[in-house]
Amino acid sequence: MTDLADTQIEATDLVLGADNVPAAKERQCLKCREEFPSEWAGERICKRCKSSGSWRNGSA
């Protein structure tokens, strides 16, 4: 049995779309802290940060 304290899913991520997939919504980028349109619950870095040289080189 999974302890809820050990999960990394936020309560707001449990809103499901038509295919029982967490719905797209605005989330805060973990790198720059700006709000961005996230397509799914696991997308936590914005496209701008992902396209930066430091992110691609692994020195985020």
PDB file of N, CA and C in Angstrom:
ATOM      1  N   MET A   1       0.835  -1.176   0.000  1.00  0.00           N
ATOM      2  CA  MET A   1       0.000   0.000   0.000  1.00  0.00           C
ATOM      3  C   MET A   1       0.877   1.237   0.000  1.00  0.00           C
ATOM      4  N   THR A   2       0.522   2.232  -0.766  1.00  0.00           N
ATOM      5  CA  THR A   2       1.305   3.452  -0.897  1.00  0.00           C
ATOM      6  C   THR A   2       0.895   4.455   0.160  1.00  0.00           C
ATOM      7  N   ASP A   3       1.882   5.005   0.839  1.00  0.00           N
ATOM      8  CA  ASP A   3       1.627   6.060   1.813  1.00  0.00           C
ATOM      9  C   ASP A   3       1.508   7.373   1.051  1.00  0.00           C
ATOM     10  N   LEU A   4       0.415   8.101   1.271  1.00  0.00           N
ATOM     11  CA  LEU A   4       0.195   9.343   0.538  1.00  0.00           C
ATOM     12  C   LEU A   4       1.296  10.359   0.786  1.00  0.00           C
ATOM     13  N   ALA A   5       1.961  10.308   1.918  1.00  0.00           N
ATOM     14  CA  ALA A   5       3.041  11.244   2.210  1.00  0.00           C
ATOM     15  C   ALA A   5       4.246  11.001   1.305  1.00  0.00           C
ATOM     16  N   ASP A   6       4.372   9.796   0.751  1.00  0.00           N
ATOM     17  CA  ASP A   6       5.514   9.469  -0.094  1.00  0.00           C
ATOM     18  C   ASP A   6       5.296   9.812  -1.567  1.00  0.00           C
ATOM     19  N   THR A   7       4.097  10.205  -1.938  1.00  0.00           N
ATOM     20  CA  THR A   7       3.828  10.530  -3.334  1.00  0.00           C
ATOM     21  C   THR A   7       4.224  11.959  -3.632  1.00  0.00           C
ATOM     22  N   GLN A   8       4.536  12.247  -4.876  1.00  0.00           N
ATOM     23  CA  GLN A   8       4.917  13.578  -5.291  1.00  0.00           C
ATOM     24  C   GLN A   8       3.836  14.220  -6.153  1.00  0.00           C
ATOM     25  N   ILE A   9       2.670  13.644  -6.184  1.00  0.00           N
ATOM     26  CA  ILE A   9       1.566  14.186  -6.957  1.00  0.00           C
ATOM     27  C   ILE A   9       0.804  15.166  -6.078  1.00  0.00           C
ATOM     28  N   GLU A  10       0.577  16.342  -6.595  1.00  0.00           N
ATOM     29  CA  GLU A  10      -0.177  17.331  -5.853  1.00  0.00           C
ATOM     30  C   GLU A  10      -1.664  17.044  -5.994  1.00  0.00           C
ATOM     31  N   ALA A  11      -2.432  17.454  -5.016  1.00  0.00           N
ATOM     32  CA  ALA A  11      -3.878  17.222  -5.061  1.00  0.00           C
ATOM     33  C   ALA A  11      -4.494  17.854  -6.302  1.00  0.00           C
ATOM     34  N   THR A  12      -3.952  18.984  -6.747  1.00  0.00           N
ATOM     35  CA  THR A  12      -4.496  19.645  -7.934  1.00  0.00           C
ATOM     36  C   THR A  12      -4.187  18.871  -9.208  1.00  0.00           C
ATOM     37  N   ASP A  13      -3.245  17.931  -9.170  1.00  0.00           N
ATOM     38  CA  ASP A  13      -2.920  17.123 -10.338  1.00  0.00           C
ATOM     39  C   ASP A  13      -3.883  15.962 -10.516  1.00  0.00           C
ATOM     40  N   LEU A  14      -4.765  15.737  -9.553  1.00  0.00           N
ATOM     41  CA  LEU A  14      -5.659  14.606  -9.613  1.00  0.00           C
ATOM     42  C   LEU A  14      -6.917  14.890 -10.416  1.00  0.00           C
ATOM     43  N   VAL A  15      -7.038  16.082 -10.962  1.00  0.00           N
ATOM     44  CA  VAL A  15      -8.159  16.402 -11.846  1.00  0.00           C
ATOM     45  C   VAL A  15      -7.889  15.688 -13.163  1.00  0.00           C
ATOM     46  N   LEU A  16      -8.774  14.777 -13.530  1.00  0.00           N
ATOM     47  CA  LEU A  16      -8.525  13.946 -14.703  1.00  0.00           C
ATOM     48  C   LEU A  16      -9.267  14.452 -15.924  1.00  0.00           C
ATOM     49  N   GLY A  17      -8.623  14.292 -17.078  1.00  0.00           N
ATOM     50  CA  GLY A  17      -9.237  14.640 -18.341  1.00  0.00           C
ATOM     51  C   GLY A  17     -10.069  13.476 -18.849  1.00  0.00           C
ATOM     52  N   ALA A  18     -10.423  13.521 -20.115  1.00  0.00           N
ATOM     53  CA  ALA A  18     -11.325  12.539 -20.711  1.00  0.00           C
ATOM     54  C   ALA A  18     -10.753  11.124 -20.695  1.00  0.00           C
ATOM     55  N   ASP A  19      -9.444  10.973 -20.807  1.00  0.00           N
ATOM     56  CA  ASP A  19      -8.822   9.642 -20.873  1.00  0.00           C
ATOM     57  C   ASP A  19      -8.184   9.236 -19.549  1.00  0.00           C
ATOM     58  N   ASN A  20      -8.681   9.776 -18.429  1.00  0.00           N
ATOM     59  CA  ASN A  20      -8.120   9.514 -17.105  1.00  0.00           C
ATOM     60  C   ASN A  20      -6.646   9.903 -17.005  1.00  0.00           C
ATOM     61  N   VAL A  21      -6.274  10.925 -17.727  1.00  0.00           N
ATOM     62  CA  VAL A  21      -4.927  11.480 -17.691  1.00  0.00           C
ATOM     63  C   VAL A  21      -5.028  12.841 -17.022  1.00  0.00           C
ATOM     64  N   PRO A  22      -4.116  13.169 -16.103  1.00  0.00           N
ATOM     65  CA  PRO A  22      -4.195  14.491 -15.477  1.00  0.00           C
ATOM     66  C   PRO A  22      -4.289  15.585 -16.531  1.00  0.00           C
ATOM     67  N   ALA A  23      -5.211  16.491 -16.331  1.00  0.00           N
ATOM     68  CA  ALA A  23      -5.511  17.534 -17.302  1.00  0.00           C
ATOM     69  C   ALA A  23      -4.374  18.540 -17.441  1.00  0.00           C
ATOM     70  N   ALA A  24      -4.293  19.118 -18.633  1.00  0.00           N
ATOM     71  CA  ALA A  24      -3.337  20.190 -18.878  1.00  0.00           C
ATOM     72  C   ALA A  24      -3.747  21.400 -18.046  1.00  0.00           C
ATOM     73  N   LYS A  25      -2.764  22.118 -17.520  1.00  0.00           N
ATOM     74  CA  LYS A  25      -3.054  23.310 -16.731  1.00  0.00           C
ATOM     75  C   LYS A  25      -1.805  24.155 -16.596  1.00  0.00           C
ATOM     76  N   GLU A  26      -1.960  25.321 -16.025  1.00  0.00           N
ATOM     77  CA  GLU A  26      -0.820  26.194 -15.757  1.00  0.00           C
ATOM     78  C   GLU A  26      -0.055  25.637 -14.557  1.00  0.00           C
ATOM     79  N   ARG A  27       1.264  25.530 -14.697  1.00  0.00           N
ATOM     80  CA  ARG A  27       2.112  25.087 -13.597  1.00  0.00           C
ATOM     81  C   ARG A  27       3.312  26.015 -13.493  1.00  0.00           C
ATOM     82  N   GLN A  28       3.979  25.974 -12.371  1.00  0.00           N
ATOM     83  CA  GLN A  28       5.153  26.806 -12.154  1.00  0.00           C
ATOM     84  C   GLN A  28       6.393  26.011 -12.554  1.00  0.00           C
ATOM     85  N   CYS A  29       7.236  26.592 -13.401  1.00  0.00           N
ATOM     86  CA  CYS A  29       8.474  25.956 -13.841  1.00  0.00           C
ATOM     87  C   CYS A  29       9.400  25.776 -12.633  1.00  0.00           C
ATOM     88  N   LEU A  30       9.980  24.595 -12.502  1.00  0.00           N
ATOM     89  CA  LEU A  30      10.868  24.326 -11.380  1.00  0.00           C
ATOM     90  C   LEU A  30      12.216  25.034 -11.514  1.00  0.00           C
ATOM     91  N   LYS A  31      12.535  25.518 -12.699  1.00  0.00           N
ATOM     92  CA  LYS A  31      13.813  26.206 -12.908  1.00  0.00           C
ATOM     93  C   LYS A  31      13.672  27.720 -12.763  1.00  0.00           C
ATOM     94  N   CYS A  32      12.768  28.333 -13.522  1.00  0.00           N
ATOM     95  CA  CYS A  32      12.648  29.794 -13.520  1.00  0.00           C
ATOM     96  C   CYS A  32      11.488  30.309 -12.670  1.00  0.00           C
ATOM     97  N   ARG A  33      10.611  29.407 -12.203  1.00  0.00           N
ATOM     98  CA  ARG A  33       9.461  29.736 -11.355  1.00  0.00           C
ATOM     99  C   ARG A  33       8.357  30.512 -12.071  1.00  0.00           C
ATOM    100  N   GLU A  34       8.425  30.631 -13.386  1.00  0.00           N
ATOM    101  CA  GLU A  34       7.363  31.295 -14.153  1.00  0.00           C
ATOM    102  C   GLU A  34       6.245  30.303 -14.449  1.00  0.00           C
ATOM    103  N   GLU A  35       5.009  30.805 -14.529  1.00  0.00           N
ATOM    104  CA  GLU A  35       3.875  29.976 -14.901  1.00  0.00           C
ATOM    105  C   GLU A  35       3.980  29.634 -16.392  1.00  0.00           C
ATOM    106  N   PHE A  36       3.615  28.400 -16.753  1.00  0.00           N
ATOM    107  CA  PHE A  36       3.622  27.993 -18.153  1.00  0.00           C
ATOM    108  C   PHE A  36       2.515  26.974 -18.378  1.00  0.00           C
ATOM    109  N   PRO A  37       2.031  26.834 -19.612  1.00  0.00           N
ATOM    110  CA  PRO A  37       0.973  25.862 -19.900  1.00  0.00           C
ATOM    111  C   PRO A  37       1.548  24.446 -19.980  1.00  0.00           C
ATOM    112  N   SER A  38       1.365  23.679 -18.944  1.00  0.00           N
ATOM    113  CA  SER A  38       1.870  22.309 -18.876  1.00  0.00           C
ATOM    114  C   SER A  38       0.870  21.372 -19.537  1.00  0.00           C
ATOM    115  N   GLU A  39       1.341  20.471 -20.376  1.00  0.00           N
ATOM    116  CA  GLU A  39       0.478  19.535 -21.087  1.00  0.00           C
ATOM    117  C   GLU A  39       0.061  18.352 -20.224  1.00  0.00           C
ATOM    118  N   TRP A  40       0.868  17.993 -19.217  1.00  0.00           N
ATOM    119  CA  TRP A  40       0.568  16.851 -18.370  1.00  0.00           C
ATOM    120  C   TRP A  40       1.252  17.029 -17.019  1.00  0.00           C
ATOM    121  N   ALA A  41       0.881  16.240 -16.030  1.00  0.00           N
ATOM    122  CA  ALA A  41       1.343  16.421 -14.651  1.00  0.00           C
ATOM    123  C   ALA A  41       2.860  16.317 -14.501  1.00  0.00           C
ATOM    124  N   GLY A  42       3.514  15.546 -15.340  1.00  0.00           N
ATOM    125  CA  GLY A  42       4.962  15.367 -15.225  1.00  0.00           C
ATOM    126  C   GLY A  42       5.786  16.451 -15.904  1.00  0.00           C
ATOM    127  N   GLU A  43       5.141  17.326 -16.644  1.00  0.00           N
ATOM    128  CA  GLU A  43       5.858  18.399 -17.335  1.00  0.00           C
ATOM    129  C   GLU A  43       6.011  19.567 -16.362  1.00  0.00           C
ATOM    130  N   ARG A  44       7.205  19.732 -15.804  1.00  0.00           N
ATOM    131  CA  ARG A  44       7.432  20.739 -14.762  1.00  0.00           C
ATOM    132  C   ARG A  44       8.493  21.765 -15.136  1.00  0.00           C
ATOM    133  N   ILE A  45       9.113  21.632 -16.320  1.00  0.00           N
ATOM    134  CA  ILE A  45      10.096  22.602 -16.804  1.00  0.00           C
ATOM    135  C   ILE A  45       9.530  23.218 -18.078  1.00  0.00           C
ATOM    136  N   CYS A  46       9.501  24.548 -18.158  1.00  0.00           N
ATOM    137  CA  CYS A  46       8.921  25.226 -19.321  1.00  0.00           C
ATOM    138  C   CYS A  46       9.795  25.041 -20.563  1.00  0.00           C
ATOM    139  N   LYS A  47       9.199  25.255 -21.714  1.00  0.00           N
ATOM    140  CA  LYS A  47       9.922  25.084 -22.978  1.00  0.00           C
ATOM    141  C   LYS A  47      11.110  26.032 -23.091  1.00  0.00           C
ATOM    142  N   ARG A  48      10.969  27.248 -22.576  1.00  0.00           N
ATOM    143  CA  ARG A  48      12.070  28.211 -22.625  1.00  0.00           C
ATOM    144  C   ARG A  48      13.287  27.691 -21.846  1.00  0.00           C
ATOM    145  N   CYS A  49      13.056  27.158 -20.656  1.00  0.00           N
ATOM    146  CA  CYS A  49      14.168  26.631 -19.854  1.00  0.00           C
ATOM    147  C   CYS A  49      14.756  25.363 -20.479  1.00  0.00           C
ATOM    148  N   LYS A  50      13.888  24.501 -21.030  1.00  0.00           N
ATOM    149  CA  LYS A  50      14.379  23.282 -21.665  1.00  0.00           C
ATOM    150  C   LYS A  50      15.238  23.581 -22.887  1.00  0.00           C
ATOM    151  N   SER A  51      14.986  24.702 -23.546  1.00  0.00           N
ATOM    152  CA  SER A  51      15.761  25.039 -24.741  1.00  0.00           C
ATOM    153  C   SER A  51      17.054  25.788 -24.397  1.00  0.00           C
ATOM    154  N   SER A  52      17.275  26.106 -23.137  1.00  0.00           N
ATOM    155  CA  SER A  52      18.483  26.834 -22.746  1.00  0.00           C
ATOM    156  C   SER A  52      19.704  25.908 -22.818  1.00  0.00           C
ATOM    157  N   GLY A  53      20.842  26.488 -23.069  1.00  0.00           N
ATOM    158  CA  GLY A  53      22.077  25.721 -23.158  1.00  0.00           C
ATOM    159  C   GLY A  53      22.422  25.024 -21.862  1.00  0.00           C
ATOM    160  N   SER A  54      22.177  25.665 -20.740  1.00  0.00           N
ATOM    161  CA  SER A  54      22.519  25.044 -19.439  1.00  0.00           C
ATOM    162  C   SER A  54      21.661  23.806 -19.187  1.00  0.00           C
ATOM    163  N   TRP A  55      20.394  23.840 -19.579  1.00  0.00           N
ATOM    164  CA  TRP A  55      19.525  22.678 -19.397  1.00  0.00           C
ATOM    165  C   TRP A  55      19.983  21.528 -20.288  1.00  0.00           C
ATOM    166  N   ARG A  56      20.291  21.819 -21.559  1.00  0.00           N
ATOM    167  CA  ARG A  56      20.701  20.779 -22.510  1.00  0.00           C
ATOM    168  C   ARG A  56      22.048  20.175 -22.127  1.00  0.00           C
ATOM    169  N   ASN A  57      22.918  20.956 -21.489  1.00  0.00           N
ATOM    170  CA  ASN A  57      24.233  20.464 -21.094  1.00  0.00           C
ATOM    171  C   ASN A  57      24.216  19.789 -19.736  1.00  0.00           C
ATOM    172  N   GLY A  58      23.086  19.788 -19.064  1.00  0.00           N
ATOM    173  CA  GLY A  58      22.975  19.099 -17.782  1.00  0.00           C
ATOM    174  C   GLY A  58      23.461  19.914 -16.595  1.00  0.00           C
ATOM    175  N   SER A  59      23.681  21.188 -16.788  1.00  0.00           N
ATOM    176  CA  SER A  59      24.149  22.023 -15.664  1.00  0.00           C
ATOM    177  C   SER A  59      23.056  22.966 -15.209  1.00  0.00           C
ATOM    178  N   ALA A  60      21.830  22.434 -15.215  1.00  0.00           N
ATOM    179  CA  ALA A  60      20.653  23.240 -14.846  1.00  0.00           C
ATOM    180  C   ALA A  60      20.871  23.816 -13.493  1.00  0.00           C
TER     181      ALA A  60
END
